[in-house]
Amino acid sequence: MIFSQRDDVSLANPLGPVALGRKAVEEAGRRAASYLRDGEHTGFENIVKVETPAMAFIVWVERARVRLDGRQNLVPTALRVTTIFRKEEGVWKMVHRHADPIVSIQPVESIIEK
C-alpha cells in the first residue's frame, strides 16, 4: 500500500472533507472511488518535486478521462494535487494527498462558502 499505515495519515480529496487517520482515509478513498467507473490517466503536469532524506512532496496537475457515476461517456478531468511522502523503514509512504479541481485562475468569489 502506498499510503502510510500510521494514524497521522490524511487525505483531502475534492469529494469530501479532510479525512484523518488510517481508517478514515481508507473510507474516504472507497467513497470517492465509488463515484468513478472506468477511465484512464491522460497526463501529469509536474510543477515541483522536493526530496529530503526523510520527506518529499510533489505538486502536479493530474489529468484523466473518467466515467462519473450515472454518466455514459468518459469526461475529461483535471486535479491540482499535492502529495507528501515520508520514509518509513526505508520505503516512501504517502502521508498526505490533497487534490482539488482548481487548475486555472479563479474569481475571488469562488472562495465564498456556500
N, C-alpha and C. Protein backbone atom coordinates (compact mmCIF):
# COMPACT_ATOMS: atom_id res chain seq x y z
N MET A 1 0.85 -1.18 0.00
CA MET A 1 0.00 0.00 0.00
C MET A 1 0.89 1.24 0.00
N ILE A 2 0.54 2.20 -0.82
CA ILE A 2 1.33 3.42 -0.93
C ILE A 2 1.08 4.37 0.25
N PHE A 3 -0.14 4.37 0.82
CA PHE A 3 -0.43 5.22 1.98
C PHE A 3 0.23 4.63 3.22
N SER A 4 0.71 5.51 4.07
CA SER A 4 1.22 5.10 5.37
C SER A 4 0.11 4.40 6.15
N GLN A 5 0.48 3.46 6.96
CA GLN A 5 -0.48 2.78 7.82
C GLN A 5 -0.56 3.43 9.20
N ARG A 6 0.16 4.53 9.39
CA ARG A 6 0.17 5.22 10.68
C ARG A 6 -1.07 6.10 10.83
N ASP A 7 -1.37 6.45 12.07
CA ASP A 7 -2.60 7.19 12.35
C ASP A 7 -2.57 8.66 11.97
N ASP A 8 -1.40 9.20 11.61
CA ASP A 8 -1.35 10.62 11.23
C ASP A 8 -1.52 10.83 9.72
N VAL A 9 -1.88 9.81 8.97
CA VAL A 9 -2.10 9.92 7.54
C VAL A 9 -3.37 10.74 7.29
N SER A 10 -3.39 11.52 6.18
CA SER A 10 -4.57 12.33 5.88
C SER A 10 -4.82 12.38 4.38
N LEU A 11 -6.08 12.64 4.03
CA LEU A 11 -6.50 12.71 2.64
C LEU A 11 -7.51 13.84 2.50
N ALA A 12 -7.24 14.75 1.57
CA ALA A 12 -8.18 15.84 1.27
C ALA A 12 -8.53 15.72 -0.21
N ASN A 13 -9.57 14.95 -0.51
CA ASN A 13 -9.95 14.81 -1.91
C ASN A 13 -11.08 15.78 -2.23
N PRO A 14 -11.37 16.03 -3.51
CA PRO A 14 -12.35 17.05 -3.86
C PRO A 14 -13.80 16.63 -3.61
N LEU A 15 -14.02 15.43 -3.08
CA LEU A 15 -15.39 14.93 -2.91
C LEU A 15 -15.82 14.84 -1.45
N GLY A 16 -15.04 15.44 -0.55
CA GLY A 16 -15.42 15.38 0.85
C GLY A 16 -14.45 16.13 1.73
N PRO A 17 -14.73 16.17 3.02
CA PRO A 17 -13.84 16.87 3.95
C PRO A 17 -12.55 16.09 4.15
N VAL A 18 -11.60 16.71 4.83
CA VAL A 18 -10.32 16.07 5.10
C VAL A 18 -10.55 14.84 6.00
N ALA A 19 -9.96 13.73 5.60
CA ALA A 19 -10.01 12.51 6.40
C ALA A 19 -8.68 12.39 7.13
N LEU A 20 -8.73 12.12 8.42
CA LEU A 20 -7.53 11.99 9.24
C LEU A 20 -7.53 10.64 9.92
N GLY A 21 -6.44 9.92 9.77
CA GLY A 21 -6.31 8.60 10.35
C GLY A 21 -6.51 7.52 9.30
N ARG A 22 -5.85 6.41 9.52
CA ARG A 22 -5.83 5.33 8.54
C ARG A 22 -7.23 4.86 8.16
N LYS A 23 -8.09 4.61 9.14
CA LYS A 23 -9.44 4.11 8.86
C LYS A 23 -10.25 5.15 8.08
N ALA A 24 -10.18 6.41 8.48
CA ALA A 24 -10.93 7.47 7.79
C ALA A 24 -10.43 7.67 6.36
N VAL A 25 -9.12 7.57 6.15
CA VAL A 25 -8.55 7.72 4.80
C VAL A 25 -9.03 6.58 3.91
N GLU A 26 -9.02 5.36 4.43
CA GLU A 26 -9.50 4.22 3.64
C GLU A 26 -10.97 4.39 3.28
N GLU A 27 -11.79 4.84 4.23
CA GLU A 27 -13.22 5.05 3.95
C GLU A 27 -13.43 6.15 2.92
N ALA A 28 -12.69 7.25 3.04
CA ALA A 28 -12.82 8.35 2.08
C ALA A 28 -12.37 7.92 0.69
N GLY A 29 -11.32 7.14 0.62
CA GLY A 29 -10.86 6.63 -0.67
C GLY A 29 -11.89 5.73 -1.33
N ARG A 30 -12.48 4.83 -0.54
CA ARG A 30 -13.53 3.95 -1.09
C ARG A 30 -14.74 4.76 -1.55
N ARG A 31 -15.13 5.74 -0.75
CA ARG A 31 -16.29 6.57 -1.11
C ARG A 31 -16.03 7.31 -2.42
N ALA A 32 -14.86 7.92 -2.55
CA ALA A 32 -14.53 8.66 -3.78
C ALA A 32 -14.48 7.71 -4.97
N ALA A 33 -13.89 6.54 -4.80
CA ALA A 33 -13.79 5.58 -5.90
C ALA A 33 -15.16 5.09 -6.34
N SER A 34 -16.13 5.07 -5.44
CA SER A 34 -17.47 4.58 -5.79
C SER A 34 -18.18 5.49 -6.79
N TYR A 35 -17.70 6.72 -6.96
CA TYR A 35 -18.32 7.65 -7.91
C TYR A 35 -17.74 7.53 -9.31
N LEU A 36 -16.69 6.75 -9.46
CA LEU A 36 -15.98 6.67 -10.74
C LEU A 36 -16.09 5.28 -11.33
N ARG A 37 -16.30 5.23 -12.63
CA ARG A 37 -16.35 3.97 -13.37
C ARG A 37 -15.42 4.07 -14.56
N ASP A 38 -14.52 3.16 -14.70
CA ASP A 38 -13.62 3.14 -15.86
C ASP A 38 -12.80 4.42 -15.93
N GLY A 39 -11.96 4.50 -16.93
CA GLY A 39 -11.20 5.71 -17.16
C GLY A 39 -9.74 5.44 -17.40
N GLU A 40 -9.02 6.52 -17.63
CA GLU A 40 -7.60 6.43 -17.91
C GLU A 40 -6.93 7.75 -17.58
N HIS A 41 -5.71 7.67 -17.08
CA HIS A 41 -4.91 8.88 -16.91
C HIS A 41 -4.45 9.34 -18.27
N THR A 42 -4.52 10.63 -18.52
CA THR A 42 -4.08 11.17 -19.81
C THR A 42 -2.83 12.03 -19.68
N GLY A 43 -2.42 12.33 -18.46
CA GLY A 43 -1.19 13.09 -18.30
C GLY A 43 -0.99 13.63 -16.91
N PHE A 44 0.28 13.94 -16.63
CA PHE A 44 0.67 14.58 -15.38
C PHE A 44 1.56 15.75 -15.75
N GLU A 45 1.18 16.93 -15.29
CA GLU A 45 2.00 18.13 -15.49
C GLU A 45 2.74 18.39 -14.19
N ASN A 46 3.99 18.02 -14.13
CA ASN A 46 4.77 18.19 -12.91
C ASN A 46 5.07 19.67 -12.69
N ILE A 47 4.76 20.16 -11.51
CA ILE A 47 5.01 21.56 -11.15
C ILE A 47 6.29 21.66 -10.33
N VAL A 48 6.37 20.88 -9.25
CA VAL A 48 7.56 20.90 -8.40
C VAL A 48 7.68 19.57 -7.66
N LYS A 49 8.91 19.18 -7.40
CA LYS A 49 9.20 17.96 -6.64
C LYS A 49 10.39 18.27 -5.75
N VAL A 50 10.25 18.00 -4.45
CA VAL A 50 11.31 18.25 -3.48
C VAL A 50 11.51 16.99 -2.66
N GLU A 51 12.76 16.61 -2.45
CA GLU A 51 13.06 15.42 -1.67
C GLU A 51 14.17 15.73 -0.67
N THR A 52 13.95 15.32 0.58
CA THR A 52 14.98 15.36 1.61
C THR A 52 15.21 13.91 2.03
N PRO A 53 16.17 13.64 2.88
CA PRO A 53 16.36 12.24 3.29
C PRO A 53 15.14 11.62 3.97
N ALA A 54 14.31 12.43 4.64
CA ALA A 54 13.19 11.88 5.41
C ALA A 54 11.82 12.14 4.80
N MET A 55 11.68 13.24 4.04
CA MET A 55 10.37 13.61 3.49
C MET A 55 10.52 14.10 2.06
N ALA A 56 9.38 14.08 1.35
CA ALA A 56 9.34 14.57 -0.02
C ALA A 56 7.94 15.05 -0.33
N PHE A 57 7.82 15.94 -1.32
CA PHE A 57 6.50 16.31 -1.80
C PHE A 57 6.54 16.54 -3.29
N ILE A 58 5.37 16.36 -3.90
CA ILE A 58 5.18 16.56 -5.33
C ILE A 58 3.93 17.41 -5.51
N VAL A 59 4.00 18.39 -6.42
CA VAL A 59 2.82 19.14 -6.84
C VAL A 59 2.69 18.93 -8.34
N TRP A 60 1.52 18.54 -8.78
CA TRP A 60 1.29 18.32 -10.21
C TRP A 60 -0.15 18.56 -10.57
N VAL A 61 -0.44 18.64 -11.85
CA VAL A 61 -1.81 18.62 -12.36
C VAL A 61 -2.01 17.22 -12.95
N GLU A 62 -3.01 16.55 -12.46
CA GLU A 62 -3.33 15.18 -12.86
C GLU A 62 -4.53 15.23 -13.80
N ARG A 63 -4.35 14.75 -15.01
CA ARG A 63 -5.44 14.76 -15.99
C ARG A 63 -5.87 13.34 -16.30
N ALA A 64 -7.18 13.17 -16.47
CA ALA A 64 -7.73 11.84 -16.75
C ALA A 64 -9.02 11.99 -17.55
N ARG A 65 -9.45 10.87 -18.06
CA ARG A 65 -10.80 10.74 -18.65
C ARG A 65 -11.47 9.65 -17.83
N VAL A 66 -12.61 9.98 -17.23
CA VAL A 66 -13.29 9.02 -16.36
C VAL A 66 -14.79 9.00 -16.64
N ARG A 67 -15.40 7.90 -16.26
CA ARG A 67 -16.85 7.79 -16.34
C ARG A 67 -17.39 8.04 -14.93
N LEU A 68 -18.01 9.18 -14.75
CA LEU A 68 -18.57 9.53 -13.45
C LEU A 68 -19.84 8.74 -13.23
N ASP A 69 -20.12 8.40 -12.00
CA ASP A 69 -21.31 7.64 -11.65
C ASP A 69 -22.55 8.28 -12.28
N GLY A 70 -23.32 7.50 -13.01
CA GLY A 70 -24.55 8.00 -13.63
C GLY A 70 -24.38 8.54 -15.03
N ARG A 71 -23.16 8.64 -15.54
CA ARG A 71 -22.92 9.13 -16.90
C ARG A 71 -22.49 7.98 -17.79
N GLN A 72 -22.77 8.15 -19.08
CA GLN A 72 -22.42 7.09 -20.02
C GLN A 72 -21.05 7.29 -20.66
N ASN A 73 -20.66 8.53 -20.88
CA ASN A 73 -19.41 8.81 -21.59
C ASN A 73 -18.28 9.15 -20.64
N LEU A 74 -17.06 8.90 -21.09
CA LEU A 74 -15.90 9.37 -20.35
C LEU A 74 -15.82 10.88 -20.47
N VAL A 75 -15.48 11.55 -19.39
CA VAL A 75 -15.34 13.00 -19.39
C VAL A 75 -13.93 13.37 -18.93
N PRO A 76 -13.39 14.47 -19.47
CA PRO A 76 -12.05 14.89 -19.04
C PRO A 76 -12.11 15.51 -17.65
N THR A 77 -11.10 15.22 -16.85
CA THR A 77 -10.99 15.82 -15.53
C THR A 77 -9.56 16.33 -15.34
N ALA A 78 -9.42 17.31 -14.46
CA ALA A 78 -8.11 17.84 -14.11
C ALA A 78 -8.12 18.17 -12.63
N LEU A 79 -7.08 17.71 -11.92
CA LEU A 79 -6.95 17.98 -10.50
C LEU A 79 -5.58 18.55 -10.20
N ARG A 80 -5.55 19.56 -9.35
CA ARG A 80 -4.29 20.07 -8.80
C ARG A 80 -4.01 19.22 -7.57
N VAL A 81 -2.85 18.58 -7.54
CA VAL A 81 -2.56 17.60 -6.49
C VAL A 81 -1.25 17.94 -5.79
N THR A 82 -1.28 17.88 -4.47
CA THR A 82 -0.08 17.95 -3.65
C THR A 82 -0.02 16.66 -2.85
N THR A 83 1.10 15.96 -2.93
CA THR A 83 1.26 14.71 -2.21
C THR A 83 2.54 14.79 -1.39
N ILE A 84 2.44 14.41 -0.11
CA ILE A 84 3.57 14.42 0.80
C ILE A 84 3.90 12.99 1.19
N PHE A 85 5.20 12.67 1.12
CA PHE A 85 5.69 11.33 1.46
C PHE A 85 6.70 11.42 2.60
N ARG A 86 6.84 10.33 3.33
CA ARG A 86 7.94 10.21 4.29
C ARG A 86 8.49 8.79 4.20
N LYS A 87 9.73 8.68 4.59
CA LYS A 87 10.36 7.35 4.60
C LYS A 87 9.96 6.63 5.88
N GLU A 88 9.45 5.43 5.69
CA GLU A 88 9.09 4.57 6.81
C GLU A 88 9.79 3.23 6.57
N GLU A 89 10.73 2.92 7.43
CA GLU A 89 11.50 1.68 7.30
C GLU A 89 12.14 1.56 5.92
N GLY A 90 12.64 2.70 5.41
CA GLY A 90 13.35 2.72 4.14
C GLY A 90 12.47 2.77 2.90
N VAL A 91 11.15 2.86 3.06
CA VAL A 91 10.22 2.87 1.93
C VAL A 91 9.42 4.17 1.96
N TRP A 92 9.28 4.83 0.79
CA TRP A 92 8.48 6.05 0.72
C TRP A 92 7.01 5.69 0.87
N LYS A 93 6.34 6.36 1.80
CA LYS A 93 4.91 6.17 2.04
C LYS A 93 4.21 7.52 1.98
N MET A 94 3.00 7.52 1.41
CA MET A 94 2.22 8.75 1.30
C MET A 94 1.60 9.05 2.67
N VAL A 95 1.81 10.28 3.17
CA VAL A 95 1.22 10.67 4.45
C VAL A 95 0.13 11.71 4.28
N HIS A 96 0.09 12.37 3.12
CA HIS A 96 -0.99 13.31 2.84
C HIS A 96 -1.13 13.48 1.33
N ARG A 97 -2.38 13.54 0.89
CA ARG A 97 -2.69 13.86 -0.51
C ARG A 97 -3.83 14.86 -0.48
N HIS A 98 -3.62 15.96 -1.19
CA HIS A 98 -4.66 16.97 -1.34
C HIS A 98 -4.90 17.14 -2.83
N ALA A 99 -6.15 17.06 -3.26
CA ALA A 99 -6.49 17.24 -4.66
C ALA A 99 -7.73 18.13 -4.75
N ASP A 100 -7.69 19.08 -5.68
CA ASP A 100 -8.86 19.92 -5.93
C ASP A 100 -8.91 20.26 -7.42
N PRO A 101 -10.06 20.73 -7.89
CA PRO A 101 -10.21 20.98 -9.33
C PRO A 101 -9.70 22.34 -9.80
N ILE A 102 -8.96 23.06 -8.98
CA ILE A 102 -8.51 24.39 -9.35
C ILE A 102 -7.22 24.28 -10.16
N VAL A 103 -7.34 24.38 -11.48
CA VAL A 103 -6.16 24.30 -12.34
C VAL A 103 -6.02 25.54 -13.22
N SER A 104 -6.89 26.52 -12.97
CA SER A 104 -6.79 27.80 -13.68
C SER A 104 -7.17 28.91 -12.71
N ILE A 105 -6.91 30.14 -13.09
CA ILE A 105 -7.23 31.29 -12.23
C ILE A 105 -8.74 31.33 -11.98
N GLN A 106 -9.09 31.55 -10.71
CA GLN A 106 -10.49 31.59 -10.29
C GLN A 106 -10.85 32.99 -9.80
N PRO A 107 -12.12 33.38 -9.92
CA PRO A 107 -12.52 34.66 -9.34
C PRO A 107 -12.49 34.58 -7.81
N VAL A 108 -12.23 35.69 -7.16
CA VAL A 108 -12.14 35.71 -5.70
C VAL A 108 -13.43 35.19 -5.06
N GLU A 109 -14.55 35.37 -5.71
CA GLU A 109 -15.83 34.91 -5.18
C GLU A 109 -15.91 33.38 -5.05
N SER A 110 -15.01 32.70 -5.74
CA SER A 110 -15.06 31.23 -5.68
C SER A 110 -14.71 30.69 -4.29
N ILE A 111 -14.15 31.52 -3.41
CA ILE A 111 -13.82 31.04 -2.07
C ILE A 111 -14.96 31.25 -1.07
N ILE A 112 -16.05 31.85 -1.52
CA ILE A 112 -17.19 32.09 -0.63
C ILE A 112 -17.84 30.74 -0.30
N GLU A 113 -18.03 30.48 0.98
CA GLU A 113 -18.65 29.24 1.41
C GLU A 113 -20.12 29.24 1.04
N LYS A 114 -20.56 28.15 0.49
CA LYS A 114 -21.98 28.05 0.07
C LYS A 114 -22.81 27.36 1.11
